[in-house]
């Protein structure tokens, strides 16, 4: 029979009044009540659980959202236009990217726009397969990125050095200014072309600009840049970009000029078109889809890499950890939706204008408000915003390029006099300009990897001579090679590696840290230079990592030592290390035949 439950009363606790009890009960019910927003998981991820927090995030992020809209619009319009489609497609893709970024972003500092570097890629797809093929490639890019995310390869970005990231942003900033500097002269050579190279080299381009352009227009562009730069220095929280944009609208309406956005891109609007299955050239079948999938693979890897570099750059800028898994999910969903709705490939960019984006929720709300700003300003009131003069846009683009580098990074570098780091950044920025930011970043990462391998090749070891009751340290090597003149004869503690039944002198060679294929060669060189003593003790006590290639190299030299009449002992072993050693034939035979020469940890 079930026993009745007895409630124990705490006599020491003071009794609550009836009013206090009712208030406490009411408070508990209020805390337990689910918010209407929490029913939707994505809304809940935006940290909005009541109207008050929602208004707080809107109040905190509306300026950054609107300012980002005005800064990214030239890039979005140009990406759509130069792809061989039209500027409206770029506008629509920017809207989709910003909205998706608000719901899925894993970075505190990213904003999604159509990929600038994919314009020529899109144009070539259109030339070969037709306009209808671009959304299919965009969809495939999203799927490929999602599949790559399952393998967690994106976490490798965490090992990319800061100077590689900075080289990327320096190159990106220069390319932004270079590709839109024609606005500053009142021209639009690079924005109205489609799939063709207008100039053979940059010097020819600049020469043409100075010959054909308006220098007064260039001075006005520099004036807008100085307005934004000085305003940001004087009072950063104020939305100077928004002010400059509305000044441009005022000038465009009351002092109309043919050198405006409309003259470059015409009328634009948000257009959503479902992905199509056939067209004049495009006919959907397995063969075509397979070819498009092959075309999409390199662009997917390119976009994924750029996304991760931007996330890593945001991490360096504001010292807040980014969720790389969430970031990959975001860019994959963004491209899948963009493809389904007839858009072009999108990716994250570092925010070029930041007010108070310090936490992920503010960034997300800023992105959502960015998408609504695109909808309102360029979707509903596009006829006014397309009248903005080119010198206003040119000044804003110039400021965007200036904002690319992380200037606080150089304050730290100069304070610590790491001038070689600045040279690395300049070299990588130069490679970015001539070969593209992503190839330059990969070259920089390869260089960093080789330098890391060189550092790891240092054979960290300790060589001790045991003479009776005295132990003398002969060498403590943290470099690839150590000269004999550096011998230190000091008393050292090697009690754990001593041999109880050996009274003659012997050498103790301690491996320290990682024992791998990189530093095994230098360990072998040091072992060859050991004094001519009959007994050698190899201590594995302080080995943290042991790989099979290192065992293969050591097995050869140790086998030669045995053949020369030396007696070998192994100390500091444990069972897991023994199992790993058995994959090498020499160590396997040694462990089985000379088990009495093994000394385990704790024994």
Protein backbone atom coordinates (compact mmCIF):
# COMPACT_ATOMS: atom_id res chain seq x y z
CA UNK A 1 0.00 0.00 0.00
CA UNK A 2 1.29 3.45 -0.91
CA UNK A 3 2.18 5.50 2.12
CA UNK A 4 0.70 8.99 2.39
CA UNK A 5 3.21 11.80 1.86
CA UNK A 6 3.85 13.93 4.93
CA UNK A 7 4.89 17.54 4.47
CA UNK A 8 7.53 18.69 6.92
CA UNK A 9 7.07 22.23 8.20
CA UNK A 10 10.11 24.36 8.86
CA UNK A 11 9.38 26.04 12.20
CA UNK A 12 12.37 28.35 11.85
CA UNK A 13 11.01 29.95 8.69
CA UNK A 14 8.83 33.00 9.33
CA UNK A 15 5.23 32.78 8.23
CA UNK A 16 4.24 34.67 5.08
CA UNK A 17 1.27 36.93 5.06
CA UNK A 18 -1.66 36.10 2.80
CA UNK A 19 -0.89 39.09 0.55
CA UNK A 20 2.78 38.07 0.21
CA UNK A 21 1.82 34.51 -0.64
CA UNK A 22 -0.58 35.66 -3.36
CA UNK A 23 2.04 37.97 -4.86
CA UNK A 24 4.62 35.20 -4.80
CA UNK A 25 2.22 32.78 -6.49
CA UNK A 26 1.36 35.34 -9.14
CA UNK A 27 5.05 35.98 -9.83
CA UNK A 28 5.74 32.26 -10.25
CA UNK A 29 2.89 31.91 -12.74
CA UNK A 30 4.20 34.90 -14.68
CA UNK A 31 7.69 33.38 -14.87
CA UNK A 32 6.31 30.03 -15.96
CA UNK A 33 4.10 31.53 -18.65
CA UNK A 34 5.50 31.05 -22.14
CA UNK A 35 6.09 34.12 -24.22
CA UNK A 36 4.20 34.29 -27.48
CA UNK A 37 7.55 34.84 -29.23
CA UNK A 38 9.16 31.72 -27.74
CA UNK A 39 6.85 29.50 -29.78
CA UNK A 40 8.99 30.30 -32.79
CA UNK A 41 12.50 28.92 -32.36
CA UNK A 42 14.20 31.41 -34.65
CA UNK A 43 12.51 34.37 -32.99
CA UNK A 44 13.59 32.95 -29.65
CA UNK A 45 17.19 32.83 -30.92
CA UNK A 46 16.97 36.56 -31.45
CA UNK A 47 16.59 36.86 -27.65
CA UNK A 48 13.14 38.40 -28.00
CA UNK A 49 10.87 37.08 -25.28
CA UNK A 50 8.65 40.09 -24.78
CA UNK A 51 7.84 43.41 -26.38
CA UNK A 52 10.28 45.30 -24.17
CA UNK A 53 13.37 43.34 -25.29
CA UNK A 54 12.23 43.53 -28.91
CA UNK A 55 12.00 47.32 -28.74
CA UNK A 56 15.38 47.42 -27.01
CA UNK A 57 17.12 45.58 -29.85
CA UNK A 58 15.35 47.66 -32.49
CA UNK A 59 16.41 50.85 -30.71
CA UNK A 60 20.00 49.57 -30.47
CA UNK A 61 20.35 48.39 -34.07
CA UNK A 62 18.20 50.54 -36.40
CA UNK A 63 21.02 52.97 -37.19
CA UNK A 64 23.56 50.27 -38.02
CA UNK A 65 20.95 48.40 -40.09
CA UNK A 66 20.05 51.44 -42.17
CA UNK A 67 23.66 52.61 -42.52
CA UNK A 68 24.72 49.17 -43.74
CA UNK A 69 21.93 49.23 -46.34
CA UNK A 70 23.24 52.44 -47.88
CA UNK A 71 26.83 51.17 -47.89
CA UNK A 72 26.19 47.75 -49.45
CA UNK A 73 23.70 48.81 -52.11
CA UNK A 74 26.32 49.83 -54.72
CA UNK A 75 27.92 46.38 -54.35
CA UNK A 76 24.59 44.56 -54.59
CA UNK A 77 23.41 46.51 -57.63
CA UNK A 78 26.75 46.06 -59.36
CA UNK A 79 26.84 42.30 -58.65
CA UNK A 80 23.45 41.81 -60.29
CA UNK A 81 24.22 44.05 -63.23
CA UNK A 82 27.68 42.67 -64.03
CA UNK A 83 26.44 39.10 -63.79
CA UNK A 84 24.63 39.63 -67.08
CA UNK A 85 21.24 39.88 -65.37
CA UNK A 86 20.08 43.20 -63.94
CA UNK A 87 20.57 45.32 -60.84
CA UNK A 88 17.20 44.26 -59.41
CA UNK A 89 18.43 40.67 -59.05
CA UNK A 90 21.32 41.93 -56.94
CA UNK A 91 18.91 43.99 -54.84
CA UNK A 92 16.65 40.98 -54.27
CA UNK A 93 19.60 38.73 -53.36
CA UNK A 94 20.82 41.34 -50.84
CA UNK A 95 17.35 41.40 -49.26
CA UNK A 96 17.29 37.60 -48.93
CA UNK A 97 20.84 37.50 -47.57
CA UNK A 98 20.22 40.16 -44.93
CA UNK A 99 17.02 38.53 -43.71
CA UNK A 100 18.57 35.05 -43.52
CA UNK A 101 21.62 36.48 -41.75
CA UNK A 102 19.33 37.92 -39.10
CA UNK A 103 17.91 34.49 -38.32
CA UNK A 104 20.92 32.20 -38.73
CA UNK A 105 24.12 34.24 -38.39
CA UNK A 106 26.90 32.80 -36.25
CA UNK A 107 29.06 35.92 -36.41
CA UNK A 108 28.75 39.17 -34.51
CA UNK A 109 29.92 41.32 -37.36
CA UNK A 110 28.73 39.93 -40.69
CA UNK A 111 26.33 41.17 -43.33
CA UNK A 112 25.23 39.21 -46.40
CA UNK A 113 25.43 40.59 -49.94
CA UNK A 114 25.70 39.11 -53.44
CA UNK A 115 29.20 37.84 -54.10
CA UNK A 116 31.18 40.43 -56.10
CA UNK A 117 33.77 37.94 -57.32
CA UNK A 118 31.02 35.69 -58.69
CA UNK A 119 29.88 38.26 -61.27
CA UNK A 120 32.15 36.93 -64.01
CA UNK A 121 31.31 33.37 -62.94
CA UNK A 122 27.58 34.13 -63.31
CA UNK A 123 28.16 35.79 -66.67
CA UNK A 124 29.98 32.71 -68.02
CA UNK A 125 27.16 30.47 -66.76
CA UNK A 126 24.63 32.63 -68.62
CA UNK A 127 26.71 32.54 -71.80
CA UNK A 128 26.90 28.73 -71.75
CA UNK A 129 23.58 27.64 -70.27
CA UNK A 130 21.25 30.65 -70.25
CA UNK A 131 19.86 33.03 -67.64
CA UNK A 132 17.74 30.30 -66.02
CA UNK A 133 20.87 28.33 -65.03
CA UNK A 134 22.18 30.92 -62.52
CA UNK A 135 19.55 30.21 -59.81
CA UNK A 136 20.23 26.47 -60.21
CA UNK A 137 23.96 27.02 -59.66
CA UNK A 138 23.18 29.24 -56.66
CA UNK A 139 20.99 26.49 -55.20
CA UNK A 140 23.74 23.92 -55.76
CA UNK A 141 26.29 26.19 -54.08
CA UNK A 142 24.11 26.28 -50.97
CA UNK A 143 23.75 22.49 -50.95
CA UNK A 144 27.50 21.93 -51.44
CA UNK A 145 28.33 24.31 -48.57
CA UNK A 146 25.87 22.49 -46.33
CA UNK A 147 27.46 19.13 -47.18
CA UNK A 148 30.95 20.52 -46.51
CA UNK A 149 29.70 21.80 -43.17
CA UNK A 150 28.86 18.25 -42.11
CA UNK A 151 32.57 17.36 -42.25
CA UNK A 152 33.46 20.29 -39.93
CA UNK A 153 36.30 21.40 -42.20
CA UNK A 154 35.38 25.00 -41.52
CA UNK A 155 36.88 24.82 -38.03
CA UNK A 156 40.32 24.86 -39.65
CA UNK A 157 39.82 28.62 -40.10
CA UNK A 158 40.56 28.99 -36.38
CA UNK A 159 44.22 28.22 -37.14
CA UNK A 160 44.59 30.98 -39.74
CA UNK A 161 46.95 33.67 -38.37
CA UNK A 162 45.78 37.23 -37.85
CA UNK A 163 48.20 38.68 -40.39
CA UNK A 164 46.65 36.50 -43.13
CA UNK A 165 43.20 37.85 -42.25
CA UNK A 166 44.54 41.40 -42.26
CA UNK A 167 46.24 40.88 -45.62
CA UNK A 168 42.89 39.72 -46.97
CA UNK A 169 41.08 42.82 -45.69
CA UNK A 170 43.78 45.18 -46.96
CA UNK A 171 43.53 43.63 -50.42
CA UNK A 172 39.73 43.70 -50.26
CA UNK A 173 39.73 47.36 -49.24
CA UNK A 174 42.00 48.30 -52.15
CA UNK A 175 39.88 46.32 -54.62
CA UNK A 176 36.70 48.01 -53.38
CA UNK A 177 38.22 51.46 -53.91
CA UNK A 178 39.80 50.46 -57.22
CA UNK A 179 36.60 48.96 -58.65
CA UNK A 180 34.39 51.92 -57.71
CA UNK A 181 36.78 54.86 -58.05
CA UNK A 182 35.12 55.72 -61.37
CA UNK A 183 32.13 56.99 -59.33
CA UNK A 184 34.47 59.60 -57.90
CA UNK A 185 35.12 60.97 -61.39
CA UNK A 186 31.45 60.87 -62.35
CA UNK A 187 31.95 57.79 -64.55
CA UNK A 188 30.58 54.26 -64.47
CA UNK A 189 32.94 52.28 -66.71
CA UNK A 190 33.35 49.31 -64.36
CA UNK A 191 29.70 49.21 -63.26
CA UNK A 192 27.99 49.14 -66.65
CA UNK A 193 30.17 46.48 -68.30
CA UNK A 194 29.15 42.84 -68.47
CA UNK A 195 31.69 40.07 -68.68
CA UNK A 196 34.35 42.09 -70.48
CA UNK A 197 37.61 43.70 -69.42
CA UNK A 198 37.36 47.42 -70.01
CA UNK A 199 41.01 48.30 -69.41
CA UNK A 200 44.20 46.34 -69.93
CA UNK A 201 45.79 47.56 -66.71
CA UNK A 202 45.07 49.89 -63.80
CA UNK A 203 47.43 52.63 -64.96
CA UNK A 204 45.57 52.91 -68.24
CA UNK A 205 42.30 53.03 -66.29
CA UNK A 206 43.44 55.83 -63.98
CA UNK A 207 44.84 57.78 -66.93
CA UNK A 208 41.48 57.53 -68.71
CA UNK A 209 39.62 58.65 -65.59
CA UNK A 210 41.74 61.79 -65.24
CA UNK A 211 41.33 62.58 -68.93
CA UNK A 212 37.56 62.00 -69.15
CA UNK A 213 36.43 62.53 -65.59
CA UNK A 214 35.42 65.62 -63.65
CA UNK A 215 38.01 66.67 -61.05
CA UNK A 216 35.42 68.77 -59.21
CA UNK A 217 33.37 65.62 -58.89
CA UNK A 218 36.45 63.88 -57.42
CA UNK A 219 36.90 66.70 -54.89
CA UNK A 220 33.24 66.33 -53.85
CA UNK A 221 33.80 62.58 -53.41
CA UNK A 222 36.78 63.20 -51.15
CA UNK A 223 34.68 65.73 -49.24
CA UNK A 224 32.02 63.10 -48.53
CA UNK A 225 34.74 60.71 -47.35
CA UNK A 226 36.18 63.34 -45.00
CA UNK A 227 32.68 64.10 -43.70
CA UNK A 228 32.23 60.43 -42.76
CA UNK A 229 35.76 60.03 -41.43
CA UNK A 230 35.77 63.13 -39.25
CA UNK A 231 32.21 62.56 -38.09
CA UNK A 232 33.10 59.03 -37.00
CA UNK A 233 36.10 60.36 -35.07
CA UNK A 234 34.13 63.16 -33.40
CA UNK A 235 31.03 61.17 -32.40
CA UNK A 236 30.97 57.55 -33.54
CA UNK A 237 27.41 56.64 -32.36
CA UNK A 238 25.89 59.20 -34.73
CA UNK A 239 24.76 57.66 -38.08
CA UNK A 240 26.81 59.85 -40.42
CA UNK A 241 26.26 57.48 -43.37
CA UNK A 242 22.49 57.94 -43.09
CA UNK A 243 22.92 61.74 -43.01
CA UNK A 244 25.13 61.69 -46.12
CA UNK A 245 22.60 59.49 -47.95
CA UNK A 246 19.69 61.80 -47.25
CA UNK A 247 21.82 64.77 -48.29
CA UNK A 248 22.33 62.91 -51.55
CA UNK A 249 18.56 62.39 -51.92
CA UNK A 250 18.00 66.11 -51.29
CA UNK A 251 20.57 67.07 -53.94
CA UNK A 252 19.15 64.51 -56.39
CA UNK A 253 15.62 65.83 -56.03
CA UNK A 254 16.27 69.58 -56.04
CA UNK A 255 19.44 69.66 -58.18
CA UNK A 256 19.02 66.68 -60.52
CA UNK A 257 22.10 65.51 -62.36
CA UNK A 258 22.61 62.82 -64.96
CA UNK A 259 25.55 61.45 -62.93
CA UNK A 260 23.43 59.44 -60.52
CA UNK A 261 22.63 55.80 -59.76
CA UNK A 262 19.73 55.75 -62.20
CA UNK A 263 22.06 56.59 -65.10
CA UNK A 264 24.11 53.48 -64.26
CA UNK A 265 21.47 50.88 -63.35
CA UNK A 266 18.14 52.31 -64.47
CA UNK A 267 15.03 51.68 -62.37
CA UNK A 268 15.31 48.87 -59.84
CA UNK A 269 12.82 46.97 -57.71
CA UNK A 270 12.57 43.82 -55.63
CA UNK A 271 11.68 40.91 -57.92
CA UNK A 272 11.06 37.37 -56.70
CA UNK A 273 10.91 34.73 -59.42
CA UNK A 274 10.72 31.03 -58.71
CA UNK A 275 13.51 28.95 -60.12
CA UNK A 276 12.72 27.95 -63.72
CA UNK A 277 13.20 24.58 -65.38
CA UNK A 278 13.59 25.67 -68.99
CA UNK A 279 14.40 28.66 -71.18
CA UNK A 280 15.63 29.61 -74.63
CA UNK A 281 18.98 27.88 -74.02
CA UNK A 282 18.52 26.12 -70.70
CA UNK A 283 16.85 22.73 -70.75
CA UNK A 284 16.87 20.85 -67.47
CA UNK A 285 18.21 17.30 -67.65
CA UNK A 286 20.71 15.17 -65.75
CA UNK A 287 23.63 16.05 -68.03
CA UNK A 288 23.09 19.80 -67.65
CA UNK A 289 22.62 19.56 -63.89
CA UNK A 290 25.80 17.49 -63.59
CA UNK A 291 27.79 20.11 -65.50
CA UNK A 292 26.31 22.90 -63.38
CA UNK A 293 27.20 20.96 -60.24
CA UNK A 294 30.81 20.75 -61.40
CA UNK A 295 30.81 24.50 -62.04
CA UNK A 296 29.33 25.15 -58.60
CA UNK A 297 31.95 23.23 -56.57
CA UNK A 298 34.87 25.73 -56.82
CA UNK A 299 32.56 28.72 -56.30
CA UNK A 300 31.03 27.04 -53.23
CA UNK A 301 34.48 26.51 -51.72
CA UNK A 302 35.37 30.10 -52.58
CA UNK A 303 32.24 31.50 -50.91
CA UNK A 304 32.63 29.27 -47.87
CA UNK A 305 36.24 30.39 -47.42
CA UNK A 306 35.35 34.06 -47.77
CA UNK A 307 32.53 33.62 -45.27
CA UNK A 308 34.83 32.07 -42.69
CA UNK A 309 37.53 34.70 -43.19
CA UNK A 310 34.96 37.44 -42.56
CA UNK A 311 33.75 35.64 -39.43
CA UNK A 312 37.34 35.25 -38.25
CA UNK A 313 37.96 38.92 -38.98
CA UNK A 314 34.95 39.86 -36.86
CA UNK A 315 36.32 37.71 -34.07
CA UNK A 316 39.63 39.57 -34.21
CA UNK A 317 37.90 42.95 -34.38
CA UNK A 318 35.58 42.63 -31.38
CA UNK A 319 37.20 39.72 -29.49
CA UNK A 320 33.97 37.71 -29.35
CA UNK A 321 33.88 34.03 -30.28
CA UNK A 322 31.98 33.22 -33.47
CA UNK A 323 29.88 30.11 -34.04
CA UNK A 324 31.40 28.71 -37.23
CA UNK A 325 28.87 25.87 -37.47
CA UNK A 326 26.05 28.42 -37.40
CA UNK A 327 27.86 30.60 -39.92
CA UNK A 328 28.12 27.72 -42.42
CA UNK A 329 24.46 26.91 -41.89
CA UNK A 330 23.64 30.55 -42.54
CA UNK A 331 25.50 30.85 -45.85
CA UNK A 332 24.11 27.53 -47.09
CA UNK A 333 20.49 28.47 -46.28
CA UNK A 334 21.05 31.92 -47.79
CA UNK A 335 22.19 30.51 -51.14
CA UNK A 336 19.50 27.82 -51.19
CA UNK A 337 16.76 30.44 -50.70
CA UNK A 338 18.41 32.84 -53.13
CA UNK A 339 18.49 30.10 -55.77
CA UNK A 340 14.87 29.10 -55.21
CA UNK A 341 13.77 32.72 -55.52
CA UNK A 342 15.78 33.42 -58.66
CA UNK A 343 18.74 35.15 -57.01
CA UNK A 344 22.52 34.97 -57.37
CA UNK A 345 25.24 33.60 -55.02
CA UNK A 346 25.63 35.45 -51.72
CA UNK A 347 28.21 35.45 -48.97
CA UNK A 348 29.09 37.27 -45.77
CA UNK A 349 31.16 40.40 -45.66
CA UNK A 350 32.65 42.18 -42.73
CA UNK A 351 30.48 45.08 -41.69
CA UNK A 352 32.15 48.17 -43.06
CA UNK A 353 30.34 50.51 -40.70
CA UNK A 354 29.76 49.56 -37.07
CA UNK A 355 27.98 51.56 -34.41
CA UNK A 356 27.23 49.40 -31.39
CA UNK A 357 27.27 45.82 -32.67
CA UNK A 358 28.83 44.09 -29.69
CA UNK A 359 26.70 40.99 -29.23
CA UNK A 360 25.27 38.53 -31.71
CA UNK A 361 21.65 39.50 -31.05
CA UNK A 362 22.31 43.13 -31.98
CA UNK A 363 24.01 42.01 -35.19
CA UNK A 364 21.03 39.82 -36.06
CA UNK A 365 18.50 42.55 -35.46
CA UNK A 366 20.67 44.97 -37.40
CA UNK A 367 20.64 42.51 -40.33
CA UNK A 368 16.87 42.11 -40.21
CA UNK A 369 16.43 45.89 -40.13
CA UNK A 370 18.92 46.05 -42.97
CA UNK A 371 16.65 43.82 -45.06
CA UNK A 372 13.60 45.92 -44.22
CA UNK A 373 15.56 49.05 -45.12
CA UNK A 374 16.28 47.50 -48.54
CA UNK A 375 12.58 46.74 -48.90
CA UNK A 376 11.49 50.26 -47.95
CA UNK A 377 14.18 52.50 -49.40
CA UNK A 378 15.01 50.67 -52.63
CA UNK A 379 11.86 48.59 -53.03
CA UNK A 380 9.14 51.14 -52.30
CA UNK A 381 10.99 54.45 -52.66
CA UNK A 382 13.64 53.40 -55.17
CA UNK A 383 12.82 56.24 -57.54
CA UNK A 384 14.14 58.72 -54.96
CA UNK A 385 17.20 56.76 -53.88
CA UNK A 386 18.29 56.04 -57.45
CA UNK A 387 18.66 59.81 -57.92
CA UNK A 388 21.54 59.96 -55.42
CA UNK A 389 24.58 61.58 -57.14
CA UNK A 390 27.56 59.36 -57.87
CA UNK A 391 29.94 61.52 -55.82
CA UNK A 392 27.91 60.66 -52.67
CA UNK A 393 28.14 56.95 -53.49
CA UNK A 394 31.82 57.33 -54.36
CA UNK A 395 32.59 58.95 -51.00
CA UNK A 396 30.71 56.21 -49.14
CA UNK A 397 32.51 53.48 -51.09
CA UNK A 398 35.84 55.16 -50.38
CA UNK A 399 34.97 55.14 -46.68
CA UNK A 400 33.94 51.46 -46.95
CA UNK A 401 37.35 50.59 -48.37
CA UNK A 402 39.03 52.55 -45.58
CA UNK A 403 37.00 50.63 -42.99
CA UNK A 404 38.12 47.21 -44.24
CA UNK A 405 41.41 46.90 -42.29
CA UNK A 406 41.22 46.36 -38.53
CA UNK A 407 43.08 49.48 -37.46
CA UNK A 408 43.23 48.46 -33.79
CA UNK A 409 45.30 45.45 -34.88
CA UNK A 410 48.06 47.77 -36.11
CA UNK A 411 48.02 49.74 -32.88
CA UNK A 412 48.93 46.52 -31.06
CA UNK A 413 51.50 45.53 -33.69
CA UNK A 414 53.28 48.88 -33.62
CA UNK A 415 53.18 49.02 -29.81
CA UNK A 416 55.04 45.69 -29.68
CA UNK A 417 57.33 46.59 -32.63
CA UNK A 418 56.36 43.60 -34.72
CA UNK A 419 57.37 45.26 -37.97
CA UNK A 420 57.84 41.94 -39.75
CA UNK A 421 54.12 41.27 -39.29
CA UNK A 422 53.33 44.49 -41.16
CA UNK A 423 55.59 43.36 -44.02
CA UNK A 424 53.67 40.07 -44.18
CA UNK A 425 50.36 41.95 -44.33
CA UNK A 426 51.65 44.19 -47.15
CA UNK A 427 52.91 41.16 -49.11
CA UNK A 428 49.59 39.34 -48.78
CA UNK A 429 47.63 42.49 -49.64
CA UNK A 430 49.70 42.81 -52.82
CA UNK A 431 48.96 39.21 -53.73
CA UNK A 432 45.26 39.90 -53.05
CA UNK A 433 45.25 42.79 -55.51
CA UNK A 434 46.90 40.85 -58.34
CA UNK A 435 45.63 37.31 -57.77
CA UNK A 436 42.49 37.75 -55.65
CA UNK A 437 41.88 37.81 -51.88
CA UNK A 438 41.09 34.11 -51.51
CA UNK A 439 44.18 32.75 -53.37
CA UNK A 440 46.33 35.20 -51.40
CA UNK A 441 44.80 34.00 -48.12
CA UNK A 442 45.49 30.38 -49.06
CA UNK A 443 49.10 31.26 -49.93
CA UNK A 444 49.45 33.05 -46.59
CA UNK A 445 47.98 30.07 -44.74
CA UNK A 446 50.40 27.71 -46.50
CA UNK A 447 53.30 29.95 -45.49
CA UNK A 448 52.07 30.00 -41.89
CA UNK A 449 51.74 26.20 -41.93
CA UNK A 450 55.31 25.76 -43.18
CA UNK A 451 56.63 28.19 -40.56
CA UNK A 452 54.72 26.27 -37.92
CA UNK A 453 56.25 23.01 -39.18
CA UNK A 454 59.69 24.60 -39.00
CA UNK A 455 59.06 25.64 -35.41
CA UNK A 456 57.74 22.20 -34.51
CA UNK A 457 60.85 20.60 -36.00
CA UNK A 458 62.79 21.72 -32.93
CA UNK A 459 63.88 18.52 -31.20
CA UNK A 460 63.01 19.30 -27.58
CA UNK A 461 65.15 16.93 -25.53
CA UNK A 462 67.28 16.60 -22.43
CA UNK A 463 70.51 14.61 -22.24
CA UNK A 464 71.78 13.56 -18.80
CA UNK A 465 74.93 11.62 -17.88
CA UNK A 466 74.55 9.37 -14.82
CA UNK A 467 77.85 8.88 -13.01
CA UNK A 468 77.50 6.97 -9.76
CA UNK A 469 75.34 9.02 -7.41
CA UNK A 470 75.76 12.16 -9.49
CA UNK A 471 73.64 13.19 -12.48
CA UNK A 472 75.09 15.74 -14.91
CA UNK A 473 73.01 17.50 -17.56
CA UNK A 474 74.97 17.52 -20.80
CA UNK A 475 72.49 19.27 -23.04
CA UNK A 476 69.02 20.83 -22.91
CA UNK A 477 67.97 21.32 -26.51
CA UNK A 478 64.98 23.36 -27.63
CA UNK A 479 66.44 23.98 -31.10
CA UNK A 480 66.99 21.82 -34.12
CA UNK A 481 70.67 21.38 -33.22
CA UNK A 482 72.74 22.24 -30.20
CA UNK A 483 76.49 22.68 -30.27
CA UNK A 484 78.66 20.69 -27.87
CA UNK A 485 80.14 23.88 -26.42
CA UNK A 486 76.78 24.63 -24.78
CA UNK A 487 77.00 21.70 -22.38
CA UNK A 488 75.82 22.51 -18.88
CA UNK A 489 77.22 20.47 -16.02
CA UNK A 490 74.64 20.93 -13.28
CA UNK A 491 73.05 18.59 -10.80
CA UNK A 492 69.62 17.45 -12.09
CA UNK A 493 66.83 15.30 -10.79
CA UNK A 494 66.37 12.16 -12.89
CA UNK A 495 65.22 9.82 -10.18
CA UNK A 496 62.23 8.55 -12.19
CA UNK A 497 64.46 7.48 -15.06
CA UNK A 498 67.25 5.83 -13.02
CA UNK A 499 68.02 2.14 -13.45
CA UNK A 500 68.13 0.32 -10.10
CA UNK A 501 70.37 -2.56 -11.18
CA UNK A 502 72.91 -0.59 -13.25
CA UNK A 503 75.91 0.79 -11.37
CA UNK A 504 78.00 1.87 -14.36
CA UNK A 505 77.66 5.24 -16.04
CA UNK A 506 74.95 5.65 -18.67
CA UNK A 507 73.22 8.30 -20.74
CA UNK A 508 69.59 9.33 -20.28
CA UNK A 509 67.99 10.83 -23.40
CA UNK A 510 64.65 12.42 -22.58
CA UNK A 511 62.13 13.19 -25.31
CA UNK A 512 60.12 16.30 -24.37
CA UNK A 513 56.76 17.36 -25.79
CA UNK A 514 55.65 16.20 -29.22
CA UNK A 515 57.52 13.40 -30.98
CA UNK A 516 56.37 13.56 -34.59
CA UNK A 517 57.50 13.19 -38.18
CA UNK A 518 58.56 16.85 -38.28
CA UNK A 519 61.09 16.79 -35.44
CA UNK A 520 62.07 13.09 -35.60
CA UNK A 521 64.92 13.87 -38.00
CA UNK A 522 66.49 16.30 -35.54
CA UNK A 523 66.11 13.81 -32.69
CA UNK A 524 67.98 11.28 -34.82
CA UNK A 525 70.79 13.81 -35.40
CA UNK A 526 71.09 14.44 -31.67
CA UNK A 527 71.11 10.72 -30.87
CA UNK A 528 73.95 10.22 -33.34
CA UNK A 529 76.00 12.76 -31.37
CA UNK A 530 75.58 11.08 -27.99
CA UNK A 531 78.81 10.25 -26.09
CA UNK A 532 80.33 6.81 -26.67
CA UNK A 533 78.77 5.10 -23.66
CA UNK A 534 77.55 1.50 -23.69
CA UNK A 535 74.19 2.03 -21.99
CA UNK A 536 71.53 4.49 -23.17
CA UNK A 537 68.18 5.13 -21.49
CA UNK A 538 65.45 6.63 -23.70
CA UNK A 539 62.85 8.33 -21.54
CA UNK A 540 59.35 8.78 -22.99
CA UNK A 541 58.02 10.20 -19.72
CA UNK A 542 57.36 13.70 -21.08
CA UNK A 543 56.16 12.75 -24.57
CA UNK A 544 52.75 14.29 -25.24
CA UNK A 545 52.26 13.20 -28.88
CA UNK A 546 53.77 10.21 -30.66
CA UNK A 547 53.16 9.39 -34.32
CA UNK A 548 54.08 6.37 -36.42
CA UNK A 549 56.47 8.16 -38.79
CA UNK A 550 58.57 9.32 -35.84
CA UNK A 551 58.66 5.73 -34.57
CA UNK A 552 59.87 4.55 -37.99
CA UNK A 553 62.77 7.02 -37.96
CA UNK A 554 63.72 6.28 -34.37
CA UNK A 555 63.45 2.55 -34.98
CA UNK A 556 66.21 2.70 -37.60
CA UNK A 557 68.71 4.59 -35.41
CA UNK A 558 67.95 2.50 -32.33
CA UNK A 559 68.37 -0.71 -34.30
CA UNK A 560 71.79 0.54 -35.40
CA UNK A 561 72.69 1.31 -31.79
CA UNK A 562 71.83 -2.26 -30.78
CA UNK A 563 73.90 -3.66 -33.63
CA UNK A 564 76.86 -1.55 -32.50
CA UNK A 565 76.76 -3.25 -29.09
CA UNK A 566 74.88 -0.63 -27.08
CA UNK A 567 72.37 -1.63 -24.42
CA UNK A 568 69.04 0.25 -24.64
CA UNK A 569 66.38 0.90 -22.00
CA UNK A 570 63.00 2.56 -22.35
CA UNK A 571 61.46 4.39 -19.37
CA UNK A 572 58.33 6.43 -18.75
CA UNK A 573 56.11 4.10 -20.75
CA UNK A 574 52.39 3.41 -20.44
CA UNK A 575 50.11 0.82 -22.00
CA UNK A 576 48.68 3.08 -24.70
CA UNK A 577 52.18 4.05 -25.83
CA UNK A 578 53.22 0.37 -25.91
CA UNK A 579 50.27 -0.46 -28.16
CA UNK A 580 51.23 2.36 -30.51
CA UNK A 581 54.87 1.26 -30.60
CA UNK A 582 53.91 -2.25 -31.66
CA UNK A 583 52.94 -0.94 -35.10
CA UNK A 584 56.69 -0.60 -35.78
CA UNK A 585 58.57 -3.87 -36.23
CA UNK A 586 61.70 -2.82 -34.32
CA UNK A 587 59.78 -1.59 -31.27
CA UNK A 588 57.51 -4.64 -31.38
CA UNK A 589 60.50 -7.03 -31.32
CA UNK A 590 62.26 -4.97 -28.64
CA UNK A 591 59.20 -4.99 -26.37
CA UNK A 592 58.76 -8.77 -26.75
CA UNK A 593 62.44 -9.79 -26.45
CA UNK A 594 63.75 -7.20 -23.99
CA UNK A 595 60.75 -6.68 -21.75
CA UNK A 596 63.14 -6.49 -18.76
CA UNK A 597 64.54 -3.28 -20.26
CA UNK A 598 61.19 -1.49 -20.04
CA UNK A 599 60.18 0.72 -17.14
CA UNK A 600 56.59 1.93 -16.88
CA UNK A 601 55.25 5.09 -15.31
CA UNK A 602 54.81 4.82 -11.57
CA UNK A 603 57.21 1.89 -11.27
